[in-house]
N, C-alpha and C. Protein backbone atom coordinates (compact mmCIF):
# COMPACT_ATOMS: atom_id res chain seq x y z
N UNK A 1 157.45 117.93 52.25
CA UNK A 1 158.26 117.65 51.44
C UNK A 1 157.88 116.76 50.08
N UNK A 2 156.95 116.09 50.18
CA UNK A 2 156.73 114.93 49.21
C UNK A 2 156.87 115.90 47.88
N UNK A 3 157.35 115.26 46.86
CA UNK A 3 157.11 115.46 45.38
C UNK A 3 158.00 115.03 44.57
N UNK A 4 158.45 115.15 43.58
CA UNK A 4 159.26 114.35 42.78
C UNK A 4 160.56 114.92 42.44
N UNK A 5 160.89 116.04 42.75
CA UNK A 5 162.42 116.61 42.84
C UNK A 5 163.05 115.87 43.63
N UNK A 6 164.33 116.16 43.37
CA UNK A 6 165.45 115.57 44.46
C UNK A 6 165.53 116.58 45.63
N UNK A 7 165.74 116.06 46.91
CA UNK A 7 165.89 116.91 47.87
C UNK A 7 167.54 117.28 47.77
N UNK A 8 167.54 118.53 48.15
CA UNK A 8 169.06 118.94 48.45
C UNK A 8 169.31 118.88 49.85
N UNK A 9 170.66 118.95 50.00
CA UNK A 9 171.28 118.67 51.51
C UNK A 9 170.69 119.82 52.21
N UNK A 10 170.25 121.19 51.92
CA UNK A 10 169.67 122.18 52.79
C UNK A 10 168.22 121.62 53.17
N UNK A 11 167.55 120.78 52.19
CA UNK A 11 166.06 120.62 52.47
C UNK A 11 166.04 119.43 53.42
N UNK A 12 167.16 118.64 53.57
CA UNK A 12 167.28 117.58 54.68
C UNK A 12 167.66 118.38 55.84
N UNK A 13 168.14 119.40 55.96
CA UNK A 13 168.57 120.10 57.37
C UNK A 13 167.50 120.82 57.67
N UNK A 14 166.75 121.39 56.80
CA UNK A 14 165.36 121.98 57.22
C UNK A 14 164.43 121.00 57.63
N UNK A 15 164.23 119.77 57.25
CA UNK A 15 163.74 118.54 57.93
C UNK A 15 164.05 118.10 58.95
N UNK A 16 165.37 117.98 59.43
CA UNK A 16 165.94 117.60 60.44
C UNK A 16 165.68 118.64 61.65
N UNK A 17 165.75 120.15 61.27
CA UNK A 17 165.55 120.95 62.42
C UNK A 17 164.11 121.03 62.68
N UNK A 18 163.34 120.81 61.67
CA UNK A 18 161.70 120.86 62.10
C UNK A 18 161.09 119.47 62.82
N UNK A 19 162.01 118.18 62.53
CA UNK A 19 161.63 117.07 63.18
C UNK A 19 162.38 117.52 64.72
N UNK A 20 163.18 118.14 64.99
CA UNK A 20 163.83 118.23 66.38
C UNK A 20 162.97 119.05 67.13
N UNK A 21 162.44 120.33 66.49
CA UNK A 21 161.41 121.45 67.01
C UNK A 21 160.05 120.31 67.37
N UNK A 22 159.62 119.81 66.54
CA UNK A 22 158.10 118.87 66.75
C UNK A 22 158.16 117.85 67.64
N UNK A 23 159.35 116.76 67.45
CA UNK A 23 159.19 115.48 68.46
C UNK A 23 160.89 115.41 69.12
N UNK A 24 161.75 116.56 69.09
CA UNK A 24 162.77 116.03 69.90
C UNK A 24 163.93 115.35 69.50
N UNK A 25 165.07 115.23 69.99
CA UNK A 25 166.08 114.46 69.33
C UNK A 25 165.67 112.83 69.11
N UNK A 26 164.86 112.25 69.70
CA UNK A 26 164.77 110.85 69.51
C UNK A 26 164.19 110.73 67.77
N UNK A 27 163.58 111.82 67.37
CA UNK A 27 162.99 111.61 66.10
C UNK A 27 163.98 111.68 65.09
N UNK A 28 165.16 112.06 65.21
CA UNK A 28 165.93 112.13 64.43
C UNK A 28 166.77 110.79 63.97
N UNK A 29 166.04 110.13 63.15
CA UNK A 29 166.65 108.78 62.83
C UNK A 29 166.40 108.86 61.07
N UNK A 30 167.18 107.87 60.62
CA UNK A 30 167.07 108.23 59.20
C UNK A 30 165.94 107.68 58.71
N UNK A 31 165.17 106.62 59.15
CA UNK A 31 163.73 106.11 58.77
C UNK A 31 162.96 107.07 59.08
N UNK A 32 162.87 107.94 60.09
CA UNK A 32 161.76 108.98 60.32
C UNK A 32 161.89 110.03 59.39
N UNK A 33 163.01 110.39 59.07
CA UNK A 33 163.73 111.63 58.08
C UNK A 33 162.81 111.08 56.81
N UNK A 34 163.50 109.84 56.32
CA UNK A 34 162.81 109.41 54.98
C UNK A 34 161.57 109.35 55.12
N UNK A 35 161.08 108.83 55.99
CA UNK A 35 159.35 108.96 55.69
C UNK A 35 158.75 110.01 55.89
N UNK A 36 159.40 110.99 56.63
CA UNK A 36 158.61 112.54 56.58
C UNK A 36 158.78 112.97 55.49
N UNK A 37 160.04 113.13 54.60
CA UNK A 37 160.41 113.33 53.33
C UNK A 37 159.84 112.44 52.00
N UNK A 38 159.53 111.64 52.33
CA UNK A 38 158.81 110.63 51.62
C UNK A 38 159.94 110.35 50.43
N UNK A 39 160.93 109.90 50.77
CA UNK A 39 161.98 109.84 50.12
C UNK A 39 162.91 108.54 50.59
N UNK A 40 163.71 107.70 49.82
CA UNK A 40 164.22 106.33 50.04
C UNK A 40 165.50 106.82 50.76
N UNK A 41 166.02 105.70 51.51
CA UNK A 41 167.29 105.84 52.34
C UNK A 41 168.27 106.50 51.48
N UNK A 42 168.30 105.80 50.30
CA UNK A 42 169.33 106.08 49.14
C UNK A 42 169.48 107.75 49.25
N UNK A 43 168.21 108.41 48.92
CA UNK A 43 168.16 110.03 48.83
C UNK A 43 169.09 110.53 49.87
N UNK A 44 168.50 109.94 51.30
CA UNK A 44 169.24 110.55 52.36
C UNK A 44 171.12 110.17 52.16
N UNK A 45 171.24 108.89 51.81
CA UNK A 45 172.72 108.60 51.86
C UNK A 45 173.32 109.43 50.89
N UNK A 46 172.53 109.99 49.68
CA UNK A 46 173.35 110.50 48.57
C UNK A 46 174.09 111.92 49.17
N UNK A 47 173.59 112.39 50.49
CA UNK A 47 174.05 113.76 51.05
C UNK A 47 174.56 113.42 52.47
N UNK A 48 174.58 112.26 53.20
CA UNK A 48 175.14 112.04 54.45
C UNK A 48 175.31 110.51 54.75
N UNK A 49 176.94 110.32 55.13
CA UNK A 49 177.28 109.03 55.05
C UNK A 49 176.67 108.14 55.98
N UNK A 50 176.33 108.98 57.24
CA UNK A 50 175.89 108.13 58.40
C UNK A 50 174.96 109.25 59.12
N UNK A 51 174.33 108.53 60.10
CA UNK A 51 173.36 109.36 61.07
C UNK A 51 174.27 110.48 61.83
N UNK A 52 175.37 109.87 62.10
CA UNK A 52 175.98 110.97 63.00
C UNK A 52 176.56 112.22 62.10
N UNK A 53 176.68 112.07 61.07
CA UNK A 53 176.89 112.90 60.01
C UNK A 53 175.83 113.87 59.55
N UNK A 54 174.60 113.32 59.56
CA UNK A 54 173.37 113.88 59.70
C UNK A 54 173.21 115.04 60.81
N UNK A 55 173.24 114.38 61.87
CA UNK A 55 173.06 115.07 63.21
C UNK A 55 173.84 116.23 63.40
N UNK A 56 175.53 116.03 63.06
CA UNK A 56 176.16 117.12 63.12
C UNK A 56 175.73 118.27 62.17
N UNK A 57 175.68 117.92 60.97
CA UNK A 57 175.18 118.85 59.89
C UNK A 57 174.12 119.49 60.39
N UNK A 58 173.19 119.06 61.09
CA UNK A 58 172.12 119.84 61.67
C UNK A 58 172.49 120.81 62.79
N UNK A 59 173.17 120.19 63.60
CA UNK A 59 173.87 120.98 64.58
C UNK A 59 174.57 122.44 64.10
N UNK A 60 175.18 122.01 63.04
CA UNK A 60 176.02 123.28 62.32
C UNK A 60 175.02 124.25 61.74
N UNK A 61 173.90 123.64 61.34
CA UNK A 61 172.90 124.70 60.30
C UNK A 61 172.09 125.40 61.69
N UNK A 62 171.97 124.79 62.97
CA UNK A 62 171.35 125.41 64.17
C UNK A 62 172.51 126.39 64.56
N UNK A 63 173.68 126.37 64.64
CA UNK A 63 174.81 127.15 64.78
C UNK A 63 174.61 128.58 63.72
N UNK A 64 174.68 128.18 62.77
CA UNK A 64 174.64 129.18 61.82
C UNK A 64 173.24 130.05 61.75
N UNK A 65 172.04 129.41 61.42
CA UNK A 65 170.86 130.25 61.71
C UNK A 65 170.26 130.78 63.12
N UNK A 66 170.87 130.23 64.14
CA UNK A 66 170.47 130.63 65.61
C UNK A 66 171.35 131.43 66.00
N UNK A 67 172.74 131.54 65.65
CA UNK A 67 173.71 132.23 66.17
C UNK A 67 174.54 133.19 65.50
N UNK A 68 175.08 132.60 64.54
CA UNK A 68 175.92 133.37 63.37
C UNK A 68 174.84 134.56 62.67
N UNK A 69 173.69 134.12 62.08
CA UNK A 69 172.97 134.98 61.36
C UNK A 69 172.46 135.94 62.49
N UNK A 70 172.03 135.48 63.52
CA UNK A 70 171.37 136.70 64.51
C UNK A 70 172.64 137.75 64.84
N UNK A 71 173.73 136.92 64.74
CA UNK A 71 174.76 138.14 65.08
C UNK A 71 174.92 139.17 64.06
N UNK A 72 174.85 138.74 62.93
CA UNK A 72 175.06 139.66 61.72
C UNK A 72 173.99 140.62 61.85
N UNK A 73 172.75 140.21 61.97
CA UNK A 73 171.45 140.92 62.02
C UNK A 73 171.68 142.00 63.00
N UNK A 74 172.11 141.44 64.25
CA UNK A 74 172.28 142.46 65.15
C UNK A 74 173.32 143.61 65.09
N UNK A 75 174.77 143.17 64.39
CA UNK A 75 175.58 143.96 64.16
C UNK A 75 175.26 145.27 63.13
N UNK A 76 174.15 144.74 62.27
CA UNK A 76 173.87 145.90 61.61
C UNK A 76 172.98 147.04 62.01
N UNK A 77 172.71 146.75 63.35
CA UNK A 77 171.87 147.99 63.90
C UNK A 77 172.73 148.91 64.47
N UNK A 78 172.17 150.07 64.90
CA UNK A 78 173.11 151.12 65.33
C UNK A 78 174.05 151.41 66.68
N UNK A 79 173.34 151.89 67.45
CA UNK A 79 174.03 152.12 68.81
C UNK A 79 173.95 150.81 69.65
N UNK A 80 174.65 150.66 70.68
CA UNK A 80 174.66 149.61 71.63
C UNK A 80 173.17 149.32 72.14
N UNK A 81 172.55 150.43 72.38
CA UNK A 81 171.06 150.07 72.97
C UNK A 81 170.12 149.27 71.84
N UNK A 82 170.24 150.14 70.69
CA UNK A 82 169.70 149.28 69.46
C UNK A 82 170.09 148.19 69.27
N UNK A 83 171.23 147.78 69.25
CA UNK A 83 171.67 146.26 69.17
C UNK A 83 171.12 145.44 70.02
N UNK A 84 171.13 145.99 71.51
CA UNK A 84 170.54 144.98 72.53
C UNK A 84 169.03 144.78 72.14
N UNK A 85 168.22 145.69 71.84
CA UNK A 85 166.98 145.74 71.29
C UNK A 85 166.55 144.76 70.06
N UNK A 86 167.77 144.97 69.23
CA UNK A 86 167.74 143.80 67.90
C UNK A 86 168.01 142.53 68.54
N UNK A 87 168.81 142.29 69.43
CA UNK A 87 169.05 140.93 69.56
C UNK A 87 167.98 140.48 70.56
N UNK A 88 167.31 141.34 71.09
CA UNK A 88 165.96 140.64 72.11
C UNK A 88 164.86 140.36 70.96
N UNK A 89 164.87 141.01 69.94
CA UNK A 89 163.62 140.72 69.03
C UNK A 89 164.03 139.46 68.21
N UNK A 90 165.35 139.48 67.77
CA UNK A 90 165.75 138.35 67.01
C UNK A 90 165.77 137.08 67.53
N UNK A 91 166.09 137.15 68.87
CA UNK A 91 166.34 135.65 69.68
C UNK A 91 164.76 135.42 70.02
N UNK A 92 163.88 136.07 70.28
CA UNK A 92 162.67 136.13 71.01
C UNK A 92 161.77 135.24 69.91
N UNK A 93 162.46 135.40 68.52
CA UNK A 93 161.73 134.95 67.40
C UNK A 93 162.24 133.58 67.04
N UNK A 94 163.41 133.07 67.62
CA UNK A 94 163.87 131.80 67.44
C UNK A 94 162.94 130.69 68.13
N UNK A 95 162.96 129.47 67.72
CA UNK A 95 162.04 128.34 67.70
C UNK A 95 163.01 127.70 69.00
N UNK A 96 162.52 127.96 70.22
CA UNK A 96 163.02 127.58 71.31
C UNK A 96 163.25 126.13 71.48
N UNK A 97 162.42 125.30 71.05
CA UNK A 97 162.52 123.81 71.09
C UNK A 97 163.71 123.42 70.23
N UNK A 98 164.15 124.17 69.34
CA UNK A 98 165.29 123.69 68.71
C UNK A 98 166.69 123.61 69.43
N UNK A 99 166.67 124.72 70.25
CA UNK A 99 167.77 124.88 70.94
C UNK A 99 167.69 123.85 72.36
N UNK A 100 166.74 123.35 72.72
CA UNK A 100 166.30 122.44 73.82
C UNK A 100 166.61 121.19 73.19
N UNK A 101 166.44 120.89 71.64
CA UNK A 101 166.77 119.73 71.16
C UNK A 101 168.03 119.53 70.96
N UNK A 102 168.63 120.55 70.76
CA UNK A 102 170.32 120.51 70.64
C UNK A 102 170.97 120.03 71.83
N UNK A 103 170.33 120.44 73.02
CA UNK A 103 170.94 120.50 74.40
C UNK A 103 170.66 118.81 74.41
N UNK A 104 169.66 118.50 74.03
CA UNK A 104 169.40 117.01 74.37
C UNK A 104 170.24 116.04 73.48
N UNK A 105 170.61 116.53 72.05
CA UNK A 105 171.43 115.86 71.65
C UNK A 105 172.94 115.92 72.00
N UNK A 106 173.32 116.94 72.76
CA UNK A 106 174.53 117.18 72.93
C UNK A 106 174.90 116.09 74.09
N UNK A 107 173.80 115.69 74.70
CA UNK A 107 174.06 114.71 75.85
C UNK A 107 174.68 113.45 75.30
N UNK A 108 174.29 112.84 74.02
CA UNK A 108 174.66 111.82 73.29
C UNK A 108 175.74 111.87 72.17
N UNK A 109 175.93 112.84 71.84
CA UNK A 109 177.18 113.17 70.57
C UNK A 109 178.08 114.09 71.01
N UNK A 110 179.35 113.59 71.39
CA UNK A 110 180.13 114.73 71.71
C UNK A 110 180.73 115.61 70.90
N UNK A 111 180.58 115.42 69.48
CA UNK A 111 180.60 116.43 68.34
C UNK A 111 179.72 117.44 68.64
N UNK A 112 178.46 117.13 69.14
CA UNK A 112 177.62 118.44 69.22
C UNK A 112 177.55 118.96 70.35
N UNK A 113 178.06 118.19 71.30
CA UNK A 113 178.36 119.10 72.76
C UNK A 113 179.38 119.85 72.80
N UNK A 114 180.49 119.72 71.76
CA UNK A 114 181.28 120.65 71.63
C UNK A 114 180.90 122.00 70.78
N UNK A 115 180.02 121.37 69.63
CA UNK A 115 179.32 122.65 69.16
C UNK A 115 178.67 123.44 70.18
N UNK A 116 177.66 122.91 70.85
CA UNK A 116 176.95 123.57 72.01
C UNK A 116 177.85 124.56 72.63
N UNK A 117 178.76 123.98 73.36
CA UNK A 117 179.61 124.73 74.07
C UNK A 117 180.31 125.97 73.36
N UNK A 118 180.65 125.77 72.15
CA UNK A 118 181.29 126.63 71.36
C UNK A 118 180.21 127.98 71.13
N UNK A 119 178.80 127.41 70.67
CA UNK A 119 177.82 128.67 70.60
C UNK A 119 177.43 129.07 71.97
N UNK A 120 177.55 128.46 72.96
CA UNK A 120 177.51 129.20 74.33
C UNK A 120 178.32 130.36 74.45
N UNK A 121 179.79 129.92 74.46
CA UNK A 121 180.87 130.86 74.48
C UNK A 121 180.87 131.90 73.57
N UNK A 122 180.30 131.71 72.28
CA UNK A 122 180.35 132.55 71.41
C UNK A 122 179.18 133.78 71.65
N UNK A 123 177.86 133.41 71.85
CA UNK A 123 176.71 134.22 72.47
C UNK A 123 176.90 134.82 73.50
N UNK A 124 177.98 134.13 74.61
CA UNK A 124 178.07 135.20 75.57
C UNK A 124 179.01 136.29 75.45
N UNK A 125 180.15 135.74 74.67
CA UNK A 125 181.17 136.92 74.40
C UNK A 125 180.38 137.96 73.27
N UNK A 126 179.56 137.62 72.84
CA UNK A 126 178.95 138.68 71.80
C UNK A 126 178.10 139.51 72.72
N UNK A 127 177.53 139.06 73.49
CA UNK A 127 176.57 139.73 74.54
C UNK A 127 177.34 140.82 75.54
N UNK A 128 178.30 139.77 76.03
CA UNK A 128 179.50 140.58 76.80
C UNK A 128 179.84 142.22 75.88
N UNK A 129 180.22 141.93 74.67
CA UNK A 129 180.82 143.18 73.94
C UNK A 129 179.78 144.10 73.81
N UNK A 130 178.54 143.64 73.82
CA UNK A 130 177.34 144.61 73.61
C UNK A 130 177.32 145.38 74.79
N UNK A 131 177.48 144.67 75.82
CA UNK A 131 177.33 145.49 77.15
C UNK A 131 178.52 146.58 77.49
N UNK A 132 179.59 146.02 76.84
CA UNK A 132 180.93 146.45 77.20
C UNK A 132 180.58 148.00 76.23
N UNK A 133 180.17 147.73 75.03
CA UNK A 133 179.96 148.94 74.35
C UNK A 133 179.18 149.86 74.68
N UNK A 134 178.08 149.28 75.34
CA UNK A 134 176.94 150.26 76.17
C UNK A 134 177.57 151.11 77.36
N UNK A 135 178.92 150.74 77.91
CA UNK A 135 179.51 151.66 78.69
C UNK A 135 179.75 150.57 80.10
N UNK A 136 179.42 149.55 80.03
CA UNK A 136 179.85 148.54 81.45
C UNK A 136 181.26 147.82 81.44
N UNK A 137 181.89 148.05 82.29
CA UNK A 137 183.46 147.82 82.35
C UNK A 137 183.24 146.21 81.79
N UNK A 138 184.32 145.74 81.08
CA UNK A 138 184.66 144.29 80.55
C UNK A 138 184.14 143.28 81.36
N UNK A 139 184.84 143.38 82.66
CA UNK A 139 184.57 142.40 83.49
C UNK A 139 183.37 142.10 83.91
N UNK A 140 182.64 143.40 84.30
CA UNK A 140 181.35 143.42 84.64
C UNK A 140 180.16 142.93 83.47
N UNK A 141 180.67 143.18 82.36
CA UNK A 141 179.84 142.92 81.27
C UNK A 141 179.80 141.41 80.85
N UNK A 142 181.02 141.07 81.10
CA UNK A 142 181.07 139.22 80.66
C UNK A 142 180.11 138.69 81.99
N UNK A 143 180.28 139.06 83.23
CA UNK A 143 179.45 138.43 84.47
C UNK A 143 177.81 138.70 84.04
N UNK A 144 177.63 139.89 83.52
CA UNK A 144 176.24 139.87 83.17
C UNK A 144 175.77 139.15 82.08
N UNK A 145 176.69 139.22 81.13
CA UNK A 145 176.28 138.31 79.95
C UNK A 145 176.24 136.83 80.15
N UNK A 146 177.17 136.28 81.33
CA UNK A 146 176.74 134.83 81.82
C UNK A 146 175.35 134.66 82.46
N UNK A 147 175.26 135.75 83.26
CA UNK A 147 173.99 135.70 84.27
C UNK A 147 172.66 135.84 83.00
N UNK A 148 172.74 136.82 82.04
CA UNK A 148 171.70 137.00 81.19
C UNK A 148 171.60 136.11 80.42
N UNK A 149 172.64 135.37 79.71
CA UNK A 149 172.60 133.97 78.87
C UNK A 149 171.93 132.73 79.77
N UNK A 150 172.15 132.62 80.99
CA UNK A 150 171.83 131.50 81.57
C UNK A 150 170.12 131.83 81.98
N UNK A 151 169.77 133.03 81.96
CA UNK A 151 168.21 133.35 81.95
C UNK A 151 167.62 132.98 80.73
N UNK A 152 168.32 133.54 79.81
CA UNK A 152 167.85 132.99 78.25
C UNK A 152 167.48 131.60 78.11
N UNK A 153 168.44 130.81 78.35
CA UNK A 153 168.50 129.27 78.44
C UNK A 153 167.34 128.88 79.50
N UNK A 154 167.30 129.48 80.70
CA UNK A 154 166.22 128.80 81.62
C UNK A 154 164.87 129.39 81.36
N UNK A 155 164.70 130.31 80.53
CA UNK A 155 163.46 130.93 80.13
C UNK A 155 162.72 129.71 79.08
N UNK A 156 163.76 129.31 78.25
CA UNK A 156 163.31 128.26 77.38
C UNK A 156 162.63 126.83 78.06
N UNK A 157 163.46 126.53 79.35
CA UNK A 157 162.84 125.51 79.82
C UNK A 157 161.51 125.60 80.87
N UNK A 158 161.83 127.04 81.41
CA UNK A 158 160.74 127.23 82.47
C UNK A 158 159.19 127.25 81.76
N UNK A 159 159.41 128.47 80.64
CA UNK A 159 158.32 128.84 79.92
C UNK A 159 158.39 128.47 78.73
N UNK A 160 158.30 127.06 78.10
CA UNK A 160 158.53 126.92 76.68
C UNK A 160 157.53 127.46 75.93
N UNK A 161 156.29 127.85 76.34
CA UNK A 161 155.41 128.12 75.66
C UNK A 161 155.21 129.74 75.28
N UNK A 162 155.96 130.36 75.89
CA UNK A 162 156.02 131.72 75.82
C UNK A 162 156.14 132.23 74.60
N UNK A 163 155.38 133.41 74.39
CA UNK A 163 155.22 134.05 73.21
C UNK A 163 156.62 134.85 72.81
N UNK A 164 156.93 135.36 71.79
CA UNK A 164 157.93 136.23 71.41
C UNK A 164 157.79 137.68 72.00
N UNK A 165 156.41 137.77 71.98
CA UNK A 165 156.13 139.56 72.62
C UNK A 165 156.25 139.12 74.21
N UNK A 166 155.94 138.11 75.04
CA UNK A 166 156.17 137.80 76.18
C UNK A 166 157.66 137.93 76.61
N UNK A 167 158.59 137.24 75.74
CA UNK A 167 159.89 137.27 75.95
C UNK A 167 160.71 138.50 75.77
N UNK A 168 160.08 139.37 74.76
CA UNK A 168 160.55 140.75 74.62
C UNK A 168 160.42 141.64 75.53
N UNK A 169 159.19 141.29 76.33
CA UNK A 169 158.85 142.39 77.32
C UNK A 169 159.55 141.89 78.66
N UNK A 170 159.65 140.77 78.43
CA UNK A 170 160.55 140.11 80.06
C UNK A 170 162.04 140.68 79.86
N UNK A 171 162.45 140.85 78.69
CA UNK A 171 163.89 141.17 78.43
C UNK A 171 164.14 142.93 78.76
N UNK A 172 163.01 143.48 78.29
CA UNK A 172 163.13 144.94 78.23
C UNK A 172 163.11 145.06 79.71
N UNK A 173 162.16 144.57 80.72
CA UNK A 173 162.25 144.63 82.18
C UNK A 173 163.43 144.39 82.60
N UNK A 174 164.16 143.43 82.29
CA UNK A 174 165.49 143.27 82.44
C UNK A 174 166.52 144.19 82.20
N UNK A 175 166.33 144.75 81.09
CA UNK A 175 167.46 146.12 80.83
C UNK A 175 166.98 146.95 81.91
N UNK A 176 165.89 147.46 82.02
CA UNK A 176 165.50 148.34 82.68
C UNK A 176 165.71 148.45 84.09
N UNK A 177 166.01 147.11 84.64
CA UNK A 177 166.33 146.98 85.97
C UNK A 177 167.83 147.20 86.04
N UNK A 178 168.67 147.13 85.12
CA UNK A 178 169.88 147.37 85.01
C UNK A 178 170.14 148.57 85.25
N UNK A 179 169.38 149.59 84.85
CA UNK A 179 169.69 150.78 85.01
C UNK A 179 169.37 151.65 85.92
N UNK A 180 168.58 151.18 86.72
CA UNK A 180 168.62 151.33 88.14
C UNK A 180 169.86 151.80 89.20
């Protein structure tokens, strides 16, 4: 990001998400962000009053990019089965390290913990809705969505180096098991 132009708020958020992915929650300090951006603290404070405001803005950017944008993309697909496949592809391409970093931040920041819980509820409800649209009874669809989402989160911990193709193949196997 070095250069002579002024950084926009979105640039600082991109930088924060990149730092979170590369180095984890401990890297999200004003000093580290300014050093990485080759900018002064004044440039940082132009957009964020405090480090907590910055961290919450990063979490909100994650929520938008890794949840709401994915849902909008999936909703544009056709049948429930096509939507599940679109969800598989879209989520497999997400940088898992960012979600892991958000979970780390949530242990230290109540506002981010609330946002993570809202993301979890939103994702689970959306997934349950997809399964219900595919013909699974709503109560069963919610149970399935909870188990499936737990597996999604667990995979990012157990196999953080897995490739998008590996994650997509695993999910396709999961869906095939449901049809038995």
